[in-house]
Structure formats: C-alpha cells, structure tokens
C-alpha atoms as a PDB file:
ATOM      1  CA  MET A   1     -30.276 -29.791  65.375  1.00  0.00           C
ATOM      2  CA  GLU A   2     -29.351 -29.309  69.043  1.00  0.00           C
ATOM      3  CA  TYR A   3     -30.201 -31.988  71.577  1.00  0.00           C
ATOM      4  CA  SER A   4     -30.543 -31.491  75.311  1.00  0.00           C
ATOM      5  CA  GLY A   5     -30.508 -33.619  78.450  1.00  0.00           C
ATOM      6  CA  PHE A   6     -27.394 -35.687  77.779  1.00  0.00           C
ATOM      7  CA  GLU A   7     -24.611 -36.005  80.316  1.00  0.00           C
ATOM      8  CA  LYS A   8     -21.827 -35.877  77.737  1.00  0.00           C
ATOM      9  CA  GLU A   9     -21.486 -34.567  74.221  1.00  0.00           C
ATOM     10  CA  GLU A  10     -18.661 -33.806  71.822  1.00  0.00           C
ATOM     11  CA  HIS A  11     -18.700 -31.810  68.589  1.00  0.00           C
ATOM     12  CA  PHE A  12     -16.205 -31.784  65.704  1.00  0.00           C
ATOM     13  CA  ASP A  13     -17.077 -29.535  62.781  1.00  0.00           C
ATOM     14  CA  ARG A  14     -20.131 -31.287  61.240  1.00  0.00           C
ATOM     15  CA  LEU A  15     -20.022 -34.346  63.512  1.00  0.00           C
ATOM     16  CA  SER A  16     -21.738 -34.557  66.918  1.00  0.00           C
ATOM     17  CA  PHE A  17     -21.536 -37.313  69.525  1.00  0.00           C
ATOM     18  CA  TYR A  18     -23.864 -37.882  72.481  1.00  0.00           C
ATOM     19  CA  ASN A  19     -23.668 -40.211  75.473  1.00  0.00           C
ATOM     20  CA  GLY A  20     -27.140 -41.429  76.376  1.00  0.00           C
ATOM     21  CA  ASP A  21     -30.215 -43.431  75.411  1.00  0.00           C
ATOM     22  CA  CYS A  22     -30.991 -43.250  71.698  1.00  0.00           C
ATOM     23  CA  MET A  23     -34.731 -43.213  72.464  1.00  0.00           C
ATOM     24  CA  ASP A  24     -34.311 -39.858  74.246  1.00  0.00           C
ATOM     25  CA  LEU A  25     -32.571 -38.485  71.158  1.00  0.00           C
ATOM     26  CA  LEU A  26     -35.106 -39.917  68.702  1.00  0.00           C
ATOM     27  CA  LYS A  27     -38.038 -38.397  70.580  1.00  0.00           C
ATOM     28  CA  GLN A  28     -36.477 -34.931  70.270  1.00  0.00           C
ATOM     29  CA  THR A  29     -36.049 -35.303  66.489  1.00  0.00           C
ATOM     30  CA  PRO A  30     -38.553 -33.952  63.922  1.00  0.00           C
ATOM     31  CA  ASP A  31     -40.090 -36.202  61.258  1.00  0.00           C
ATOM     32  CA  ASN A  32     -37.781 -37.005  58.309  1.00  0.00           C
ATOM     33  CA  TYR A  33     -35.014 -34.847  59.748  1.00  0.00           C
ATOM     34  CA  TYR A  34     -32.216 -37.245  58.748  1.00  0.00           C
ATOM     35  CA  SER A  35     -31.450 -38.169  55.158  1.00  0.00           C
ATOM     36  CA  LEU A  36     -30.110 -41.514  56.342  1.00  0.00           C
ATOM     37  CA  ALA A  37     -30.130 -43.645  59.482  1.00  0.00           C
ATOM     38  CA  LEU A  38     -27.090 -45.939  59.322  1.00  0.00           C
ATOM     39  CA  VAL A  39     -27.361 -48.177  62.375  1.00  0.00           C
ATOM     40  CA  ASP A  40     -25.965 -51.353  63.915  1.00  0.00           C
ATOM     41  CA  PRO A  41     -28.369 -52.291  66.754  1.00  0.00           C
ATOM     42  CA  PRO A  42     -27.763 -55.197  69.140  1.00  0.00           C
ATOM     43  CA  TYR A  43     -28.800 -58.558  67.681  1.00  0.00           C
ATOM     44  CA  GLY A  44     -29.891 -60.132  70.979  1.00  0.00           C
ATOM     45  CA  LEU A  45     -27.566 -63.119  70.667  1.00  0.00           C
ATOM     46  CA  GLY A  46     -26.562 -63.101  74.313  1.00  0.00           C
ATOM     47  CA  ASN A  47     -23.987 -65.615  75.561  1.00  0.00           C
ATOM     48  CA  ARG A  48     -23.978 -67.530  72.293  1.00  0.00           C
ATOM     49  CA  LEU A  49     -21.220 -65.139  71.245  1.00  0.00           C
ATOM     50  CA  SER A  50     -19.171 -65.535  74.394  1.00  0.00           C
ATOM     51  CA  ASP A  51     -19.800 -68.973  75.883  1.00  0.00           C
ATOM     52  CA  GLY A  52     -21.094 -71.068  72.996  1.00  0.00           C
ATOM     53  CA  GLY A  53     -18.154 -70.811  70.641  1.00  0.00           C
ATOM     54  CA  GLY A  54     -15.956 -73.703  71.715  1.00  0.00           C
ATOM     55  CA  LYS A  55     -12.347 -72.551  71.714  1.00  0.00           C
ATOM     56  CA  LEU A  56     -13.499 -68.977  71.089  1.00  0.00           C
ATOM     57  CA  LYS A  57     -14.977 -68.654  74.566  1.00  0.00           C
ATOM     58  CA  ASN A  58     -11.495 -67.988  75.940  1.00  0.00           C
ATOM     59  CA  THR A  59     -10.576 -65.300  73.421  1.00  0.00           C
ATOM     60  CA  PRO A  60     -10.339 -61.530  74.082  1.00  0.00           C
ATOM     61  CA  MET A  61     -13.397 -60.965  71.839  1.00  0.00           C
ATOM     62  CA  ALA A  62     -15.502 -63.255  74.014  1.00  0.00           C
ATOM     63  CA  GLU A  63     -14.410 -61.301  77.065  1.00  0.00           C
ATOM     64  CA  LEU A  64     -15.642 -58.096  75.422  1.00  0.00           C
ATOM     65  CA  TYR A  65     -19.110 -59.660  75.193  1.00  0.00           C
ATOM     66  CA  ARG A  66     -19.055 -60.796  78.810  1.00  0.00           C
ATOM     67  CA  ASN A  67     -17.937 -57.453  80.196  1.00  0.00           C
ATOM     68  CA  LYS A  68     -21.127 -55.599  79.230  1.00  0.00           C
ATOM     69  CA  GLU A  69     -24.864 -56.272  79.249  1.00  0.00           C
ATOM     70  CA  TRP A  70     -25.651 -54.358  76.075  1.00  0.00           C
ATOM     71  CA  ASP A  71     -26.846 -57.050  73.687  1.00  0.00           C
ATOM     72  CA  VAL A  72     -30.600 -56.466  74.049  1.00  0.00           C
ATOM     73  CA  LEU A  73     -32.879 -56.376  70.999  1.00  0.00           C
ATOM     74  CA  PRO A  74     -34.409 -52.970  70.218  1.00  0.00           C
ATOM     75  CA  THR A  75     -38.112 -52.568  70.983  1.00  0.00           C
ATOM     76  CA  LYS A  76     -40.860 -51.997  68.429  1.00  0.00           C
ATOM     77  CA  GLU A  77     -40.944 -48.378  69.587  1.00  0.00           C
ATOM     78  CA  TYR A  78     -37.330 -47.974  68.495  1.00  0.00           C
ATOM     79  CA  TRP A  79     -38.145 -49.043  64.933  1.00  0.00           C
ATOM     80  CA  VAL A  80     -41.197 -46.776  64.751  1.00  0.00           C
ATOM     81  CA  GLU A  81     -39.110 -43.800  65.866  1.00  0.00           C
ATOM     82  CA  LEU A  82     -36.166 -44.658  63.612  1.00  0.00           C
ATOM     83  CA  PHE A  83     -38.350 -44.772  60.499  1.00  0.00           C
ATOM     84  CA  ARG A  84     -40.158 -41.615  61.573  1.00  0.00           C
ATOM     85  CA  VAL A  85     -37.024 -39.458  61.832  1.00  0.00           C
ATOM     86  CA  SER A  86     -35.170 -40.754  58.732  1.00  0.00           C
ATOM     87  CA  LYS A  87     -35.938 -40.760  55.020  1.00  0.00           C
ATOM     88  CA  ASN A  88     -33.758 -43.803  54.278  1.00  0.00           C
ATOM     89  CA  GLN A  89     -32.178 -46.499  56.401  1.00  0.00           C
ATOM     90  CA  VAL A  90     -29.233 -48.913  56.397  1.00  0.00           C
ATOM     91  CA  ILE A  91     -29.353 -51.588  59.091  1.00  0.00           C
ATOM     92  CA  PHE A  92     -26.548 -54.019  59.883  1.00  0.00           C
ATOM     93  CA  GLY A  93     -27.694 -57.533  60.773  1.00  0.00           C
ATOM     94  CA  GLY A  94     -30.994 -56.931  59.024  1.00  0.00           C
ATOM     95  CA  ASN A  95     -31.859 -60.631  59.147  1.00  0.00           C
ATOM     96  CA  TYR A  96     -32.342 -60.311  62.926  1.00  0.00           C
ATOM     97  CA  PHE A  97     -35.015 -57.635  62.549  1.00  0.00           C
ATOM     98  CA  LEU A  98     -37.141 -58.783  59.606  1.00  0.00           C
ATOM     99  CA  GLU A  99     -40.396 -58.466  61.555  1.00  0.00           C
ATOM    100  CA  HIS A 100     -39.785 -54.703  61.616  1.00  0.00           C
ATOM    101  CA  LEU A 101     -38.410 -54.223  58.079  1.00  0.00           C
ATOM    102  CA  PRO A 102     -40.192 -54.127  54.726  1.00  0.00           C
ATOM    103  CA  SER A 103     -38.987 -56.193  51.790  1.00  0.00           C
ATOM    104  CA  THR A 104     -36.180 -54.713  49.720  1.00  0.00           C
ATOM    105  CA  ARG A 105     -33.838 -55.657  46.902  1.00  0.00           C
ATOM    106  CA  GLY A 106     -31.098 -53.381  48.268  1.00  0.00           C
ATOM    107  CA  PHE A 107     -29.290 -55.875  50.481  1.00  0.00           C
ATOM    108  CA  VAL A 108     -25.525 -55.746  50.931  1.00  0.00           C
ATOM    109  CA  CYS A 109     -23.727 -58.926  51.967  1.00  0.00           C
ATOM    110  CA  TRP A 110     -20.522 -58.336  53.895  1.00  0.00           C
ATOM    111  CA  ASP A 111     -18.210 -61.287  53.201  1.00  0.00           C
ATOM    112  CA  LYS A 112     -15.896 -61.311  56.222  1.00  0.00           C
ATOM    113  CA  LYS A 113     -13.423 -63.651  54.486  1.00  0.00           C
ATOM    114  CA  ASN A 114     -13.575 -65.849  57.547  1.00  0.00           C
ATOM    115  CA  SER A 115     -13.214 -69.623  57.355  1.00  0.00           C
ATOM    116  CA  MET A 116     -13.603 -70.376  61.061  1.00  0.00           C
ATOM    117  CA  PRO A 117     -16.662 -72.634  61.484  1.00  0.00           C
ATOM    118  CA  THR A 118     -17.689 -71.066  64.790  1.00  0.00           C
ATOM    119  CA  LEU A 119     -17.836 -67.496  63.410  1.00  0.00           C
ATOM    120  CA  SER A 120     -20.229 -66.023  60.856  1.00  0.00           C
ATOM    121  CA  SER A 121     -18.776 -65.907  57.360  1.00  0.00           C
ATOM    122  CA  CYS A 122     -20.927 -62.961  56.343  1.00  0.00           C
ATOM    123  CA  GLU A 123     -23.284 -60.274  57.611  1.00  0.00           C
ATOM    124  CA  LEU A 124     -26.479 -59.136  55.885  1.00  0.00           C
ATOM    125  CA  ILE A 125     -27.026 -55.389  55.697  1.00  0.00           C
ATOM    126  CA  TRP A 126     -30.605 -54.295  54.962  1.00  0.00           C
ATOM    127  CA  THR A 127     -31.141 -51.022  53.118  1.00  0.00           C
ATOM    128  CA  SER A 128     -34.235 -49.108  52.073  1.00  0.00           C
ATOM    129  CA  PHE A 129     -32.705 -48.386  48.663  1.00  0.00           C
ATOM    130  CA  ASP A 130     -34.062 -49.824  45.425  1.00  0.00           C
ATOM    131  CA  LYS A 131     -30.680 -50.917  44.115  1.00  0.00           C
ATOM    132  CA  PRO A 132     -29.047 -54.165  42.997  1.00  0.00           C
ATOM    133  CA  ALA A 133     -27.648 -56.221  45.871  1.00  0.00           C
ATOM    134  CA  LYS A 134     -23.884 -56.008  46.370  1.00  0.00           C
ATOM    135  CA  VAL A 135     -21.088 -57.818  48.201  1.00  0.00           C
ATOM    136  CA  ILE A 136     -18.352 -56.294  50.385  1.00  0.00           C
ATOM    137  CA  ARG A 137     -15.260 -58.455  50.876  1.00  0.00           C
ATOM    138  CA  LYS A 138     -13.314 -57.305  53.913  1.00  0.00           C
ATOM    139  CA  SER A 139     -11.883 -59.246  56.856  1.00  0.00           C
ATOM    140  CA  SER A 140     -12.602 -58.070  60.384  1.00  0.00           C
ATOM    141  CA  ILE A 141     -10.317 -60.552  62.158  1.00  0.00           C
ATOM    142  CA  ASP A 142      -7.336 -58.186  62.329  1.00  0.00           C
ATOM    143  CA  LEU A 143      -9.110 -55.291  64.062  1.00  0.00           C
ATOM    144  CA  LYS A 144      -7.758 -53.929  67.328  1.00  0.00           C
ATOM    145  CA  ARG A 145     -11.049 -53.924  69.213  1.00  0.00           C
ATOM    146  CA  PHE A 146     -12.461 -52.239  72.271  1.00  0.00           C
ATOM    147  CA  HIS A 147     -16.041 -53.013  71.171  1.00  0.00           C
ATOM    148  CA  PRO A 148     -17.064 -56.606  70.318  1.00  0.00           C
ATOM    149  CA  THR A 149     -18.975 -55.684  67.141  1.00  0.00           C
ATOM    150  CA  GLN A 150     -16.402 -53.173  65.872  1.00  0.00           C
ATOM    151  CA  LYS A 151     -16.471 -52.917  62.089  1.00  0.00           C
ATOM    152  CA  PRO A 152     -13.768 -51.888  59.618  1.00  0.00           C
ATOM    153  CA  ILE A 153     -13.933 -48.263  58.498  1.00  0.00           C
ATOM    154  CA  TYR A 154     -13.882 -49.513  54.899  1.00  0.00           C
ATOM    155  CA  VAL A 155     -17.269 -51.211  55.336  1.00  0.00           C
ATOM    156  CA  TYR A 156     -18.861 -47.869  56.187  1.00  0.00           C
ATOM    157  CA  GLU A 157     -17.043 -46.199  53.283  1.00  0.00           C
ATOM    158  CA  PHE A 158     -18.508 -48.831  50.958  1.00  0.00           C
ATOM    159  CA  ILE A 159     -22.006 -48.219  52.325  1.00  0.00           C
ATOM    160  CA  LEU A 160     -21.720 -44.441  51.928  1.00  0.00           C
ATOM    161  CA  ASP A 161     -20.824 -44.991  48.270  1.00  0.00           C
ATOM    162  CA  TYR A 162     -23.564 -47.599  47.793  1.00  0.00           C
ATOM    163  CA  VAL A 163     -26.288 -45.246  49.026  1.00  0.00           C
ATOM    164  CA  SER A 164     -24.707 -42.315  47.157  1.00  0.00           C
ATOM    165  CA  ALA A 165     -24.416 -40.147  50.273  1.00  0.00           C
ATOM    166  CA  LYS A 166     -24.083 -36.622  48.947  1.00  0.00           C
ATOM    167  CA  ASN A 167     -23.524 -33.008  49.950  1.00  0.00           C
ATOM    168  CA  ASN A 168     -25.442 -31.837  53.017  1.00  0.00           C
ATOM    169  CA  ASP A 169     -26.964 -35.244  53.830  1.00  0.00           C
ATOM    170  CA  LYS A 170     -27.694 -35.646  57.530  1.00  0.00           C
ATOM    171  CA  ILE A 171     -26.736 -39.086  58.896  1.00  0.00           C
ATOM    172  CA  LEU A 172     -27.777 -40.665  62.193  1.00  0.00           C
ATOM    173  CA  ASP A 173     -26.262 -43.605  64.086  1.00  0.00           C
ATOM    174  CA  THR A 174     -28.240 -44.695  67.146  1.00  0.00           C
ATOM    175  CA  HIS A 175     -25.622 -47.194  68.366  1.00  0.00           C
ATOM    176  CA  LEU A 176     -22.235 -45.557  67.888  1.00  0.00           C
ATOM    177  CA  GLY A 177     -20.182 -48.405  69.375  1.00  0.00           C
ATOM    178  CA  SER A 178     -16.567 -48.069  68.261  1.00  0.00           C
ATOM    179  CA  GLY A 179     -17.165 -44.971  66.108  1.00  0.00           C
ATOM    180  CA  SER A 180     -15.935 -46.441  62.806  1.00  0.00           C
ATOM    181  CA  ILE A 181     -18.828 -44.718  61.024  1.00  0.00           C
ATOM    182  CA  ALA A 182     -17.681 -41.291  62.211  1.00  0.00           C
ATOM    183  CA  ILE A 183     -14.194 -41.797  60.802  1.00  0.00           C
ATOM    184  CA  ALA A 184     -15.645 -42.932  57.461  1.00  0.00           C
ATOM    185  CA  ILE A 185     -17.870 -39.847  57.290  1.00  0.00           C
ATOM    186  CA  ASP A 186     -15.049 -37.493  58.210  1.00  0.00           C
ATOM    187  CA  LYS A 187     -12.859 -39.057  55.512  1.00  0.00           C
ATOM    188  CA  ALA A 188     -15.656 -38.587  52.965  1.00  0.00           C
ATOM    189  CA  ASN A 189     -15.901 -34.925  53.937  1.00  0.00           C
ATOM    190  CA  THR A 190     -12.150 -34.402  53.819  1.00  0.00           C
ATOM    191  CA  LEU A 191     -11.329 -36.329  50.646  1.00  0.00           C
ATOM    192  CA  ASP A 192     -14.529 -35.983  48.626  1.00  0.00           C
ATOM    193  CA  LYS A 193     -15.818 -32.664  50.027  1.00  0.00           C
ATOM    194  CA  ARG A 194     -19.254 -34.194  50.607  1.00  0.00           C
ATOM    195  CA  ASN A 195     -20.212 -31.964  53.563  1.00  0.00           C
ATOM    196  CA  LEU A 196     -22.056 -34.748  55.332  1.00  0.00           C
ATOM    197  CA  SER A 197     -23.313 -34.027  58.830  1.00  0.00           C
ATOM    198  CA  PHE A 198     -23.486 -36.730  61.463  1.00  0.00           C
ATOM    199  CA  VAL A 199     -25.047 -37.424  64.840  1.00  0.00           C
ATOM    200  CA  GLY A 200     -24.063 -40.534  66.783  1.00  0.00           C
ATOM    201  CA  ILE A 201     -25.266 -41.623  70.195  1.00  0.00           C
ATOM    202  CA  GLU A 202     -23.908 -44.325  72.485  1.00  0.00           C
ATOM    203  CA  ILE A 203     -25.552 -45.373  75.752  1.00  0.00           C
ATOM    204  CA  ASP A 204     -22.450 -46.930  77.339  1.00  0.00           C
ATOM    205  CA  LYS A 205     -20.107 -44.372  78.906  1.00  0.00           C
ATOM    206  CA  ASP A 206     -16.950 -46.460  78.397  1.00  0.00           C
ATOM    207  CA  TYR A 207     -17.686 -47.100  74.718  1.00  0.00           C
ATOM    208  CA  PHE A 208     -18.538 -43.427  74.248  1.00  0.00           C
ATOM    209  CA  ASP A 209     -15.265 -42.288  75.808  1.00  0.00           C
ATOM    210  CA  ASP A 210     -13.253 -44.833  73.822  1.00  0.00           C
ATOM    211  CA  SER A 211     -14.919 -43.892  70.522  1.00  0.00           C
ATOM    212  CA  ILE A 212     -14.186 -40.188  71.151  1.00  0.00           C
ATOM    213  CA  LYS A 213     -10.576 -41.016  71.997  1.00  0.00           C
ATOM    214  CA  ARG A 214     -10.307 -43.078  68.818  1.00  0.00           C
ATOM    215  CA  PHE A 215     -11.777 -40.282  66.704  1.00  0.00           C
ATOM    216  CA  LYS A 216      -9.431 -37.708  68.215  1.00  0.00           C
ATOM    217  CA  ASN A 217      -6.457 -39.993  67.554  1.00  0.00           C
ATOM    218  CA  TYR A 218      -7.563 -40.359  63.947  1.00  0.00           C
ATOM    219  CA  LYS A 219      -7.879 -36.587  63.558  1.00  0.00           C
ATOM    220  CA  SER A 220      -4.445 -36.009  65.078  1.00  0.00           C
ATOM    221  CA  GLN A 221      -2.886 -38.509  62.660  1.00  0.00           C
ATOM    222  CA  GLY A 222      -4.771 -37.295  59.618  1.00  0.00           C
ATOM    223  CA  LEU A 223      -5.737 -39.639  56.813  1.00  0.00           C
ATOM    224  CA  LEU A 224      -2.834 -41.968  57.574  1.00  0.00           C
ATOM    225  CA  PHE A 225      -5.066 -43.596  60.236  1.00  0.00           C
END
C-alpha cells in the first residue's frame, strides 16, 4: 500500500513511517486492509499529567507533557475509520474509549510495577481477540524518554505474541509516538522470521524525527539495543 500527500516518509524493508494526520492515511486505506491495528491514542487527560501530580509536576516527564498540545481525544470518525480498515484491534488505555469499543474478554493488564501513589499502577489494553485476559509485568520508570507516553519495547513484544501475529500480517499504528512498536516488529521479523509489515504515522514532526532516529540507532546497533 502506497500513501500520498505526506510531507515526510521513511521506509525500511517491510516497515513504513509517515509524518502527518492519521485521518488522511485512514481515508486512503481500503476496507480490512490491515490484519491488526495496534494503537495508543491520546487519552485526553490534559494537565492532570503535568500540573496535578504534586511533586511530579517538576519532573522531566511533566515537562514533556507541557511542551506539546497533543493530548486530544480521538473523534468518533477516527474509531469508525480504524475499525473499517483493520480486521482486529489492540488499543492501549482502552478504559478511556469504552463508548467506542465493544465488550471483550481479551483484555491485557500492564502492571507497571509502580508504587508511587500519584502515578497509575497499571494500564488496561483492550483487544478484539476472544482470548483469556493476561497480565504484563514490566516497569516503565527507567525509560529514557523523548515522548511522555513512551512504552517499553517488551510490552509490544508481549502483545504481538498474545495476538499471535504471524507471517505476512499487516500492522497499523496511527499514533507512532516514540516508535517502540516498530522496533518490536523488526525484532520479530529478524529473530522469528515472521515477515510482518508495518505502517506507522505520527502527526508531530519532532516526535516523527526522533522516532526515526531511534529506529536507525537500533538498526545500527543490531539486536543489542
């Protein structure tokens, strides 16, 4: 699938990255084109994550939230388009979007192993899969971040295994952010020979550039990343 009208794009083997509005990309995509949409949309929490956290309001993470005005809830149109273009979906922070999501038993709870009372101890990940619910236990406190909602690569690796992502699956991420998903997919292709293809789009130019730089650094260092 080739997309047009985006100011920047990068391609690495089976992985493609676009800088632009995800709605422009979704509207160019045929019905059920992607095997899986694996997305982490903004939760619409606003300054509660930067100015309402007591001592945390002076931390580098809080500054990352203040520096950008990106935390806006997706519209109903976004959800209609997302479900139109994908056969299955995995959605981080699913509890924020329940008005748009059907019931499911395939929830994954990410236990962040965090005891700080002003930070969430877990994150709920909604999936369209009819599978037993599972728990991921992985801290995110030690990440070197350039994006405030950056997630460990391992969390995406766990999800790819949970949904049994297999050869020639096409995966979409509408909010690329830090690009952790792309590294997880490339590792799956390299180590497990899964031949997954991936398209990720990020609306913010700085985040896009930083995620591409991060991916290139990972590729230059190999699987020691």
